[in-house]
N, C-alpha and C. Protein backbone atom coordinates (compact mmCIF):
# COMPACT_ATOMS: atom_id res chain seq x y z
N MET A 1 0.83 -1.19 0.00
CA MET A 1 0.00 0.00 0.00
C MET A 1 0.87 1.25 0.00
N ARG A 2 1.96 1.20 0.76
CA ARG A 2 2.85 2.37 0.81
C ARG A 2 3.46 2.65 -0.56
N ASP A 3 3.81 1.60 -1.30
CA ASP A 3 4.38 1.79 -2.64
C ASP A 3 3.39 2.51 -3.56
N ALA A 4 2.11 2.37 -3.28
CA ALA A 4 1.09 3.02 -4.10
C ALA A 4 0.73 4.40 -3.57
N GLY A 5 1.37 4.81 -2.47
CA GLY A 5 1.08 6.13 -1.90
C GLY A 5 -0.08 6.13 -0.93
N ILE A 6 -0.41 4.95 -0.39
CA ILE A 6 -1.53 4.82 0.56
C ILE A 6 -0.94 4.47 1.93
N THR A 7 -1.34 5.21 2.94
CA THR A 7 -0.89 4.90 4.30
C THR A 7 -1.88 3.93 4.92
N PRO A 8 -1.45 2.70 5.23
CA PRO A 8 -2.37 1.75 5.85
C PRO A 8 -2.73 2.21 7.26
N ASP A 9 -3.98 1.95 7.66
CA ASP A 9 -4.40 2.32 9.01
C ASP A 9 -4.95 1.12 9.79
N GLY A 10 -4.67 -0.08 9.31
CA GLY A 10 -5.13 -1.27 10.02
C GLY A 10 -6.51 -1.74 9.64
N GLY A 11 -7.06 -1.17 8.56
CA GLY A 11 -8.39 -1.59 8.11
C GLY A 11 -8.36 -3.00 7.55
N PRO A 12 -9.52 -3.62 7.41
CA PRO A 12 -9.58 -5.01 6.95
C PRO A 12 -9.22 -5.17 5.47
N ILE A 13 -8.72 -6.35 5.16
CA ILE A 13 -8.48 -6.77 3.78
C ILE A 13 -9.32 -8.02 3.58
N ARG A 14 -10.21 -7.98 2.60
CA ARG A 14 -11.12 -9.09 2.34
C ARG A 14 -10.80 -9.73 1.01
N LEU A 15 -10.87 -11.06 0.97
CA LEU A 15 -10.46 -11.84 -0.19
C LEU A 15 -11.65 -12.46 -0.90
N LEU A 16 -11.66 -12.33 -2.23
CA LEU A 16 -12.61 -13.04 -3.09
C LEU A 16 -11.79 -13.99 -3.93
N THR A 17 -12.02 -15.29 -3.78
CA THR A 17 -11.21 -16.29 -4.47
C THR A 17 -12.01 -17.57 -4.65
N MET A 18 -11.49 -18.48 -5.45
CA MET A 18 -12.09 -19.80 -5.61
C MET A 18 -11.67 -20.66 -4.42
N PRO A 19 -12.56 -21.46 -3.89
CA PRO A 19 -12.18 -22.32 -2.76
C PRO A 19 -11.39 -23.54 -3.22
N ARG A 20 -10.59 -24.05 -2.32
CA ARG A 20 -9.91 -25.33 -2.55
C ARG A 20 -10.96 -26.42 -2.39
N MET A 21 -11.09 -27.28 -3.40
CA MET A 21 -12.07 -28.37 -3.36
C MET A 21 -11.34 -29.69 -3.53
N LEU A 22 -11.54 -30.60 -2.60
CA LEU A 22 -10.91 -31.92 -2.63
C LEU A 22 -9.40 -31.81 -2.81
N GLY A 23 -8.81 -30.81 -2.17
CA GLY A 23 -7.36 -30.63 -2.19
C GLY A 23 -6.83 -29.92 -3.42
N PHE A 24 -7.69 -29.46 -4.32
CA PHE A 24 -7.23 -28.81 -5.55
C PHE A 24 -7.76 -27.39 -5.62
N ALA A 25 -6.89 -26.46 -6.02
CA ALA A 25 -7.33 -25.07 -6.20
C ALA A 25 -6.63 -24.48 -7.41
N PHE A 26 -7.36 -23.73 -8.18
CA PHE A 26 -6.79 -22.90 -9.24
C PHE A 26 -7.62 -21.63 -9.29
N ASN A 27 -6.95 -20.52 -9.13
CA ASN A 27 -7.61 -19.22 -9.13
C ASN A 27 -7.08 -18.39 -10.29
N PRO A 28 -7.83 -18.27 -11.38
CA PRO A 28 -7.36 -17.39 -12.46
C PRO A 28 -7.09 -15.99 -11.94
N VAL A 29 -7.98 -15.51 -11.06
CA VAL A 29 -7.76 -14.20 -10.43
C VAL A 29 -8.43 -14.20 -9.06
N SER A 30 -7.68 -13.71 -8.08
CA SER A 30 -8.21 -13.51 -6.73
C SER A 30 -8.16 -12.01 -6.47
N LEU A 31 -9.17 -11.50 -5.78
CA LEU A 31 -9.23 -10.06 -5.48
C LEU A 31 -9.12 -9.84 -3.98
N PHE A 32 -8.21 -8.94 -3.60
CA PHE A 32 -8.06 -8.53 -2.21
C PHE A 32 -8.60 -7.10 -2.12
N PHE A 33 -9.67 -6.91 -1.38
CA PHE A 33 -10.28 -5.59 -1.19
C PHE A 33 -9.67 -4.97 0.06
N CYS A 34 -8.92 -3.90 -0.10
CA CYS A 34 -8.20 -3.24 1.00
C CYS A 34 -8.99 -2.03 1.47
N HIS A 35 -9.35 -2.04 2.75
CA HIS A 35 -10.21 -1.00 3.33
C HIS A 35 -9.48 -0.20 4.40
N ARG A 36 -9.99 0.98 4.66
CA ARG A 36 -9.58 1.75 5.83
C ARG A 36 -10.42 1.24 7.02
N ARG A 37 -10.03 1.66 8.20
CA ARG A 37 -10.79 1.25 9.40
C ARG A 37 -12.24 1.70 9.34
N ASP A 38 -12.50 2.82 8.66
CA ASP A 38 -13.88 3.32 8.56
C ASP A 38 -14.70 2.58 7.51
N GLY A 39 -14.10 1.57 6.84
CA GLY A 39 -14.81 0.78 5.85
C GLY A 39 -14.63 1.25 4.42
N THR A 40 -13.98 2.39 4.21
CA THR A 40 -13.76 2.91 2.87
C THR A 40 -12.79 2.00 2.10
N LEU A 41 -13.17 1.64 0.89
CA LEU A 41 -12.30 0.85 0.02
C LEU A 41 -11.22 1.76 -0.54
N VAL A 42 -9.94 1.43 -0.31
CA VAL A 42 -8.85 2.29 -0.79
C VAL A 42 -8.04 1.67 -1.92
N ALA A 43 -8.10 0.33 -2.05
CA ALA A 43 -7.33 -0.32 -3.12
C ALA A 43 -7.87 -1.72 -3.35
N VAL A 44 -7.58 -2.23 -4.55
CA VAL A 44 -7.87 -3.62 -4.88
C VAL A 44 -6.58 -4.23 -5.41
N HIS A 45 -6.24 -5.39 -4.88
CA HIS A 45 -5.08 -6.14 -5.36
C HIS A 45 -5.61 -7.33 -6.15
N TYR A 46 -5.28 -7.38 -7.43
CA TYR A 46 -5.69 -8.47 -8.31
C TYR A 46 -4.52 -9.45 -8.41
N GLU A 47 -4.69 -10.65 -7.90
CA GLU A 47 -3.64 -11.66 -7.98
C GLU A 47 -4.00 -12.62 -9.11
N VAL A 48 -3.20 -12.60 -10.17
CA VAL A 48 -3.49 -13.37 -11.39
C VAL A 48 -2.58 -14.59 -11.45
N ASN A 49 -3.17 -15.73 -11.75
CA ASN A 49 -2.42 -16.98 -11.95
C ASN A 49 -2.64 -17.45 -13.38
N ASN A 50 -1.59 -17.99 -13.98
CA ASN A 50 -1.76 -18.59 -15.30
C ASN A 50 -1.62 -20.10 -15.19
N THR A 51 -1.90 -20.80 -16.27
CA THR A 51 -1.83 -22.26 -16.26
C THR A 51 -0.39 -22.77 -16.36
N PHE A 52 0.58 -21.86 -16.38
CA PHE A 52 1.99 -22.23 -16.40
C PHE A 52 2.57 -22.25 -14.99
N GLY A 53 1.72 -22.06 -13.99
CA GLY A 53 2.15 -22.08 -12.60
C GLY A 53 2.77 -20.78 -12.13
N GLU A 54 2.54 -19.70 -12.85
CA GLU A 54 3.10 -18.40 -12.50
C GLU A 54 2.02 -17.51 -11.90
N ARG A 55 2.47 -16.51 -11.12
CA ARG A 55 1.55 -15.60 -10.44
C ARG A 55 2.09 -14.18 -10.52
N HIS A 56 1.17 -13.23 -10.64
CA HIS A 56 1.54 -11.81 -10.64
C HIS A 56 0.39 -11.01 -10.07
N GLY A 57 0.71 -9.93 -9.38
CA GLY A 57 -0.32 -9.07 -8.81
C GLY A 57 -0.35 -7.70 -9.45
N TYR A 58 -1.53 -7.12 -9.45
CA TYR A 58 -1.73 -5.74 -9.87
C TYR A 58 -2.40 -5.03 -8.69
N PHE A 59 -1.72 -4.04 -8.12
CA PHE A 59 -2.25 -3.31 -6.96
C PHE A 59 -2.69 -1.94 -7.44
N LEU A 60 -4.00 -1.69 -7.39
CA LEU A 60 -4.55 -0.45 -7.92
C LEU A 60 -5.33 0.30 -6.85
N PRO A 61 -4.98 1.56 -6.61
CA PRO A 61 -5.75 2.37 -5.66
C PRO A 61 -7.14 2.67 -6.21
N VAL A 62 -8.05 2.95 -5.29
CA VAL A 62 -9.42 3.31 -5.65
C VAL A 62 -9.53 4.83 -5.55
N ALA A 63 -9.88 5.45 -6.65
CA ALA A 63 -10.04 6.91 -6.66
C ALA A 63 -11.41 7.27 -6.08
N GLY A 64 -11.44 8.30 -5.29
CA GLY A 64 -12.71 8.84 -4.81
C GLY A 64 -13.36 8.11 -3.66
N GLY A 65 -12.69 7.16 -3.03
CA GLY A 65 -13.22 6.61 -1.79
C GLY A 65 -13.97 5.31 -1.86
N GLY A 66 -14.42 4.83 -2.98
CA GLY A 66 -15.02 3.51 -3.09
C GLY A 66 -16.11 3.20 -2.08
N ALA A 67 -17.20 3.94 -2.10
CA ALA A 67 -18.31 3.68 -1.18
C ALA A 67 -18.93 2.32 -1.49
N ALA A 68 -19.38 1.62 -0.45
CA ALA A 68 -19.97 0.30 -0.60
C ALA A 68 -21.12 0.34 -1.60
N GLY A 69 -21.12 -0.61 -2.52
CA GLY A 69 -22.18 -0.71 -3.50
C GLY A 69 -22.02 0.21 -4.71
N GLN A 70 -21.03 1.10 -4.68
CA GLN A 70 -20.81 2.02 -5.80
C GLN A 70 -19.73 1.47 -6.72
N PRO A 71 -19.91 1.58 -8.04
CA PRO A 71 -18.91 1.04 -8.97
C PRO A 71 -17.55 1.74 -8.84
N VAL A 72 -16.53 0.93 -9.00
CA VAL A 72 -15.14 1.41 -9.00
C VAL A 72 -14.58 1.09 -10.38
N HIS A 73 -13.92 2.06 -11.00
CA HIS A 73 -13.29 1.86 -12.30
C HIS A 73 -11.78 2.00 -12.13
N GLN A 74 -11.04 1.02 -12.64
CA GLN A 74 -9.58 1.04 -12.56
C GLN A 74 -9.02 0.54 -13.89
N ALA A 75 -7.75 0.85 -14.12
CA ALA A 75 -7.10 0.40 -15.36
C ALA A 75 -5.60 0.31 -15.15
N CYS A 76 -4.97 -0.55 -15.93
CA CYS A 76 -3.51 -0.65 -15.92
C CYS A 76 -3.06 -1.40 -17.17
N ALA A 77 -1.78 -1.27 -17.47
CA ALA A 77 -1.19 -1.99 -18.60
C ALA A 77 -0.92 -3.43 -18.20
N LYS A 78 -1.05 -4.34 -19.14
CA LYS A 78 -0.75 -5.75 -18.90
C LYS A 78 0.74 -5.91 -18.68
N ALA A 79 1.13 -6.65 -17.63
CA ALA A 79 2.54 -6.86 -17.33
C ALA A 79 2.88 -8.34 -17.19
N PHE A 80 1.89 -9.22 -17.34
CA PHE A 80 2.06 -10.64 -17.01
C PHE A 80 1.43 -11.51 -18.10
N HIS A 81 2.17 -12.50 -18.55
CA HIS A 81 1.70 -13.43 -19.59
C HIS A 81 0.64 -14.38 -19.01
N VAL A 82 -0.52 -14.37 -19.62
CA VAL A 82 -1.60 -15.23 -19.15
C VAL A 82 -1.93 -16.30 -20.19
N SER A 83 -2.02 -15.92 -21.45
CA SER A 83 -2.45 -16.84 -22.50
C SER A 83 -1.51 -16.77 -23.71
N PRO A 84 -1.19 -17.92 -24.29
CA PRO A 84 -0.36 -17.90 -25.50
C PRO A 84 -1.10 -17.34 -26.72
N PHE A 85 -2.40 -17.09 -26.58
CA PHE A 85 -3.20 -16.56 -27.68
C PHE A 85 -3.34 -15.04 -27.64
N ILE A 86 -2.83 -14.42 -26.58
CA ILE A 86 -2.96 -12.97 -26.43
C ILE A 86 -1.59 -12.38 -26.12
N GLY A 87 -1.19 -11.37 -26.88
CA GLY A 87 0.11 -10.73 -26.69
C GLY A 87 0.15 -9.85 -25.46
N MET A 88 1.30 -9.27 -25.24
CA MET A 88 1.51 -8.44 -24.05
C MET A 88 1.08 -6.99 -24.26
N ALA A 89 0.95 -6.53 -25.50
CA ALA A 89 0.58 -5.14 -25.77
C ALA A 89 -0.92 -4.97 -25.55
N MET A 90 -1.30 -4.83 -24.28
CA MET A 90 -2.70 -4.82 -23.93
C MET A 90 -2.89 -4.04 -22.63
N ASP A 91 -4.07 -3.50 -22.44
CA ASP A 91 -4.43 -2.82 -21.20
C ASP A 91 -5.65 -3.52 -20.60
N TYR A 92 -5.71 -3.50 -19.26
CA TYR A 92 -6.87 -4.03 -18.55
C TYR A 92 -7.73 -2.88 -18.04
N ALA A 93 -9.04 -3.07 -18.11
CA ALA A 93 -9.99 -2.15 -17.49
C ALA A 93 -10.82 -2.99 -16.52
N PHE A 94 -10.94 -2.49 -15.30
CA PHE A 94 -11.68 -3.20 -14.25
C PHE A 94 -12.88 -2.34 -13.85
N ARG A 95 -14.02 -2.98 -13.72
CA ARG A 95 -15.21 -2.32 -13.19
C ARG A 95 -15.74 -3.23 -12.10
N ILE A 96 -15.77 -2.70 -10.88
CA ILE A 96 -16.15 -3.52 -9.74
C ILE A 96 -17.23 -2.81 -8.94
N VAL A 97 -18.22 -3.57 -8.53
CA VAL A 97 -19.14 -3.13 -7.49
C VAL A 97 -18.67 -3.91 -6.26
N PRO A 98 -17.98 -3.23 -5.31
CA PRO A 98 -17.38 -3.92 -4.17
C PRO A 98 -18.40 -4.68 -3.34
N PRO A 99 -17.92 -5.69 -2.61
CA PRO A 99 -18.83 -6.53 -1.83
C PRO A 99 -19.71 -5.74 -0.87
N ALA A 100 -20.98 -6.01 -0.96
CA ALA A 100 -22.01 -5.51 -0.05
C ALA A 100 -23.12 -6.56 -0.16
N ALA A 101 -24.35 -6.16 -0.38
CA ALA A 101 -25.42 -7.14 -0.61
C ALA A 101 -25.18 -7.86 -1.94
N ARG A 102 -24.57 -7.15 -2.87
CA ARG A 102 -24.21 -7.71 -4.18
C ARG A 102 -22.75 -7.41 -4.47
N LEU A 103 -22.21 -8.14 -5.41
CA LEU A 103 -20.83 -7.98 -5.85
C LEU A 103 -20.81 -8.17 -7.36
N ALA A 104 -20.03 -7.37 -8.06
CA ALA A 104 -19.87 -7.55 -9.50
C ALA A 104 -18.44 -7.20 -9.87
N VAL A 105 -17.86 -8.01 -10.74
CA VAL A 105 -16.50 -7.79 -11.23
C VAL A 105 -16.53 -7.99 -12.74
N ALA A 106 -16.04 -6.99 -13.47
CA ALA A 106 -15.92 -7.10 -14.93
C ALA A 106 -14.50 -6.68 -15.30
N ILE A 107 -13.82 -7.54 -16.06
CA ILE A 107 -12.45 -7.26 -16.48
C ILE A 107 -12.42 -7.36 -18.01
N THR A 108 -11.92 -6.31 -18.64
CA THR A 108 -11.79 -6.29 -20.10
C THR A 108 -10.33 -6.07 -20.44
N GLY A 109 -9.83 -6.89 -21.37
CA GLY A 109 -8.48 -6.72 -21.89
C GLY A 109 -8.56 -6.23 -23.32
N SER A 110 -7.89 -5.12 -23.61
CA SER A 110 -7.97 -4.52 -24.95
C SER A 110 -6.58 -4.21 -25.48
N ASP A 111 -6.44 -4.34 -26.80
CA ASP A 111 -5.21 -3.88 -27.45
C ASP A 111 -5.57 -2.67 -28.31
N ALA A 112 -4.67 -2.27 -29.20
CA ALA A 112 -4.90 -1.08 -30.02
C ALA A 112 -6.13 -1.21 -30.92
N ALA A 113 -6.50 -2.46 -31.26
CA ALA A 113 -7.65 -2.68 -32.14
C ALA A 113 -8.97 -2.77 -31.37
N GLY A 114 -8.92 -2.86 -30.05
CA GLY A 114 -10.14 -2.96 -29.26
C GLY A 114 -10.14 -4.13 -28.31
N PRO A 115 -11.29 -4.44 -27.71
CA PRO A 115 -11.38 -5.52 -26.72
C PRO A 115 -11.01 -6.88 -27.31
N LEU A 116 -10.24 -7.63 -26.53
CA LEU A 116 -9.85 -8.99 -26.91
C LEU A 116 -10.50 -10.04 -26.02
N ILE A 117 -10.67 -9.69 -24.76
CA ILE A 117 -11.19 -10.65 -23.79
C ILE A 117 -12.00 -9.91 -22.74
N ALA A 118 -13.05 -10.56 -22.27
CA ALA A 118 -13.87 -9.99 -21.20
C ALA A 118 -14.28 -11.11 -20.26
N ALA A 119 -14.24 -10.81 -18.98
CA ALA A 119 -14.68 -11.76 -17.96
C ALA A 119 -15.59 -11.01 -16.99
N VAL A 120 -16.70 -11.64 -16.63
CA VAL A 120 -17.66 -11.01 -15.74
C VAL A 120 -18.07 -12.02 -14.67
N PHE A 121 -18.17 -11.53 -13.44
CA PHE A 121 -18.63 -12.35 -12.32
C PHE A 121 -19.57 -11.50 -11.49
N SER A 122 -20.70 -12.08 -11.08
CA SER A 122 -21.60 -11.37 -10.17
C SER A 122 -22.12 -12.36 -9.14
N ALA A 123 -22.43 -11.82 -7.97
CA ALA A 123 -22.90 -12.68 -6.88
C ALA A 123 -23.74 -11.84 -5.93
N ARG A 124 -24.44 -12.54 -5.06
CA ARG A 124 -25.16 -11.86 -3.99
C ARG A 124 -24.77 -12.52 -2.68
N ARG A 125 -24.78 -11.73 -1.64
CA ARG A 125 -24.36 -12.20 -0.31
C ARG A 125 -25.37 -13.21 0.23
N ARG A 126 -24.83 -14.27 0.84
CA ARG A 126 -25.63 -15.28 1.53
C ARG A 126 -25.00 -15.55 2.88
N VAL A 127 -25.79 -16.07 3.78
CA VAL A 127 -25.28 -16.44 5.10
C VAL A 127 -24.37 -17.64 4.94
N LEU A 128 -23.19 -17.58 5.56
CA LEU A 128 -22.24 -18.68 5.52
C LEU A 128 -22.52 -19.59 6.71
N SER A 129 -23.05 -20.77 6.43
CA SER A 129 -23.38 -21.73 7.48
C SER A 129 -22.84 -23.10 7.07
N ASP A 130 -22.85 -24.03 7.98
CA ASP A 130 -22.43 -25.39 7.66
C ASP A 130 -23.29 -25.98 6.55
N ARG A 131 -24.58 -25.71 6.62
CA ARG A 131 -25.52 -26.22 5.60
C ARG A 131 -25.20 -25.63 4.23
N ALA A 132 -24.97 -24.32 4.19
CA ALA A 132 -24.66 -23.66 2.91
C ALA A 132 -23.36 -24.19 2.33
N LEU A 133 -22.35 -24.40 3.17
CA LEU A 133 -21.08 -24.95 2.69
C LEU A 133 -21.25 -26.37 2.17
N ALA A 134 -22.00 -27.19 2.89
CA ALA A 134 -22.23 -28.57 2.45
C ALA A 134 -22.98 -28.59 1.12
N LEU A 135 -23.99 -27.73 0.99
CA LEU A 135 -24.75 -27.66 -0.26
C LEU A 135 -23.86 -27.21 -1.42
N ALA A 136 -22.99 -26.24 -1.20
CA ALA A 136 -22.07 -25.78 -2.24
C ALA A 136 -21.12 -26.91 -2.64
N PHE A 137 -20.63 -27.65 -1.67
CA PHE A 137 -19.71 -28.75 -1.98
C PHE A 137 -20.41 -29.83 -2.80
N VAL A 138 -21.64 -30.19 -2.42
CA VAL A 138 -22.38 -31.22 -3.14
C VAL A 138 -22.75 -30.72 -4.54
N SER A 139 -23.08 -29.44 -4.65
CA SER A 139 -23.49 -28.88 -5.95
C SER A 139 -22.32 -28.69 -6.90
N TYR A 140 -21.14 -28.36 -6.37
CA TYR A 140 -19.98 -28.05 -7.21
C TYR A 140 -18.72 -28.74 -6.69
N PRO A 141 -18.71 -30.08 -6.58
CA PRO A 141 -17.55 -30.74 -5.97
C PRO A 141 -16.26 -30.61 -6.78
N LEU A 142 -16.37 -30.43 -8.06
CA LEU A 142 -15.18 -30.35 -8.92
C LEU A 142 -15.06 -28.98 -9.57
N LEU A 143 -15.51 -27.94 -8.88
CA LEU A 143 -15.55 -26.60 -9.45
C LEU A 143 -14.20 -26.14 -9.96
N THR A 144 -13.14 -26.29 -9.17
CA THR A 144 -11.84 -25.81 -9.61
C THR A 144 -11.31 -26.62 -10.80
N LEU A 145 -11.61 -27.92 -10.80
CA LEU A 145 -11.22 -28.73 -11.97
C LEU A 145 -11.99 -28.28 -13.21
N LYS A 146 -13.26 -27.91 -13.02
CA LYS A 146 -14.07 -27.43 -14.14
C LYS A 146 -13.48 -26.14 -14.72
N VAL A 147 -12.98 -25.26 -13.87
CA VAL A 147 -12.38 -24.01 -14.34
C VAL A 147 -11.16 -24.31 -15.21
N VAL A 148 -10.27 -25.17 -14.74
CA VAL A 148 -9.07 -25.51 -15.51
C VAL A 148 -9.46 -26.21 -16.81
N ALA A 149 -10.40 -27.16 -16.73
CA ALA A 149 -10.84 -27.86 -17.94
C ALA A 149 -11.44 -26.89 -18.94
N GLY A 150 -12.20 -25.91 -18.47
CA GLY A 150 -12.79 -24.91 -19.37
C GLY A 150 -11.73 -24.05 -20.05
N ILE A 151 -10.71 -23.67 -19.31
CA ILE A 151 -9.62 -22.88 -19.89
C ILE A 151 -8.90 -23.69 -20.96
N LEU A 152 -8.59 -24.94 -20.65
CA LEU A 152 -7.88 -25.79 -21.62
C LEU A 152 -8.75 -26.10 -22.83
N TRP A 153 -10.04 -26.29 -22.64
CA TRP A 153 -10.96 -26.55 -23.75
C TRP A 153 -11.01 -25.35 -24.69
N GLU A 154 -11.15 -24.16 -24.13
CA GLU A 154 -11.19 -22.95 -24.96
C GLU A 154 -9.86 -22.76 -25.69
N ALA A 155 -8.75 -23.09 -25.04
CA ALA A 155 -7.44 -23.00 -25.70
C ALA A 155 -7.36 -23.97 -26.88
N LEU A 156 -7.88 -25.17 -26.70
CA LEU A 156 -7.89 -26.14 -27.79
C LEU A 156 -8.72 -25.63 -28.96
N LEU A 157 -9.88 -25.05 -28.67
CA LEU A 157 -10.73 -24.53 -29.75
C LEU A 157 -10.02 -23.40 -30.51
N LEU A 158 -9.34 -22.52 -29.78
CA LEU A 158 -8.59 -21.43 -30.44
C LEU A 158 -7.46 -21.99 -31.29
N TRP A 159 -6.77 -22.98 -30.78
CA TRP A 159 -5.66 -23.59 -31.52
C TRP A 159 -6.18 -24.27 -32.79
N LEU A 160 -7.33 -24.99 -32.68
CA LEU A 160 -7.92 -25.65 -33.85
C LEU A 160 -8.38 -24.64 -34.90
N LYS A 161 -8.75 -23.43 -34.46
CA LYS A 161 -9.15 -22.38 -35.40
C LYS A 161 -7.94 -21.73 -36.06
N GLY A 162 -6.76 -22.09 -35.62
CA GLY A 162 -5.55 -21.54 -36.23
C GLY A 162 -5.13 -20.19 -35.68
N ILE A 163 -5.62 -19.83 -34.50
CA ILE A 163 -5.21 -18.56 -33.88
C ILE A 163 -3.72 -18.66 -33.57
N GLY A 164 -2.98 -17.65 -33.97
CA GLY A 164 -1.53 -17.66 -33.77
C GLY A 164 -1.14 -17.63 -32.30
N LEU A 165 0.00 -18.21 -32.01
CA LEU A 165 0.51 -18.25 -30.64
C LEU A 165 1.55 -17.16 -30.42
N HIS A 166 1.56 -16.61 -29.22
CA HIS A 166 2.56 -15.62 -28.82
C HIS A 166 3.58 -16.32 -27.94
N GLU A 167 4.83 -15.95 -28.11
CA GLU A 167 5.89 -16.53 -27.30
C GLU A 167 5.69 -16.17 -25.83
N HIS A 168 6.05 -17.10 -24.97
CA HIS A 168 5.94 -16.89 -23.52
C HIS A 168 7.12 -16.01 -23.07
N PRO A 169 6.83 -14.74 -22.73
CA PRO A 169 7.92 -13.86 -22.30
C PRO A 169 8.37 -14.20 -20.88
N THR A 170 9.51 -13.68 -20.50
CA THR A 170 9.96 -13.88 -19.13
C THR A 170 9.00 -13.15 -18.19
N ALA A 171 8.89 -13.69 -16.99
CA ALA A 171 7.99 -13.10 -16.00
C ALA A 171 8.51 -11.73 -15.57
N PRO A 172 7.62 -10.85 -15.12
CA PRO A 172 8.06 -9.54 -14.64
C PRO A 172 9.03 -9.70 -13.46
N THR A 173 9.96 -8.77 -13.33
CA THR A 173 10.92 -8.85 -12.23
C THR A 173 10.26 -8.56 -10.89
N ASN A 174 9.22 -7.74 -10.89
CA ASN A 174 8.48 -7.45 -9.66
C ASN A 174 7.28 -8.38 -9.57
N ALA A 175 7.01 -8.90 -8.38
CA ALA A 175 5.87 -9.81 -8.17
C ALA A 175 4.55 -9.07 -8.28
N VAL A 176 4.58 -7.75 -8.09
CA VAL A 176 3.36 -6.95 -8.12
C VAL A 176 3.59 -5.68 -8.94
N THR A 177 2.67 -5.38 -9.84
CA THR A 177 2.66 -4.10 -10.53
C THR A 177 1.83 -3.17 -9.66
N VAL A 178 2.45 -2.08 -9.22
CA VAL A 178 1.78 -1.13 -8.33
C VAL A 178 1.49 0.15 -9.12
N VAL A 179 0.22 0.55 -9.11
CA VAL A 179 -0.18 1.81 -9.71
C VAL A 179 -0.31 2.81 -8.56
N ALA A 180 0.44 3.89 -8.62
CA ALA A 180 0.44 4.87 -7.54
C ALA A 180 -0.80 5.75 -7.59
N VAL A 181 -1.18 6.23 -6.42
CA VAL A 181 -2.27 7.19 -6.32
C VAL A 181 -1.88 8.42 -7.12
N SER A 182 -2.79 8.98 -7.88
CA SER A 182 -2.50 10.18 -8.67
C SER A 182 -1.97 11.27 -7.76
N GLY A 183 -0.82 11.82 -8.14
CA GLY A 183 -0.21 12.88 -7.36
C GLY A 183 0.70 12.37 -6.25
N ALA A 184 0.79 11.02 -6.08
CA ALA A 184 1.63 10.46 -5.02
C ALA A 184 3.05 10.31 -5.48
């Protein structure tokens, strides 16, 4: 947070991620919502994993205070190789409705020609109980395996269509790309 020009005050950090199921976990992206003690959202840390076993973070401050339930817009340049079908000359745009009664996350990756990829997730808050956890496990026992299988299936379809491959660049030297607060 200090690298981004934010002074931490001991506020909570809340994580949105895929759960480990039957000992297996794969999180294409995990979000850490960084708050002040008064509950104001001050930053979001996007932790991105690729299928090559690599990880990189993007730490972006929230402009204007991030009130609960209000959309947050953030952007940064791509610094981490995720897919052999998409080059590095790309920017990410994030639109988030931070966790409250509802949550929404939309991520768009665009190059000079326009959008290349979009991912959207939305949810509503539910009570976390033993019953709810058991029901989720029974309903989605192989959820993380399904995510990896879906990624690999889509990659196969792109490869069969003849989409060109981009070389796997070396990983960034910094584990986290930090976007500083404007004027910091």
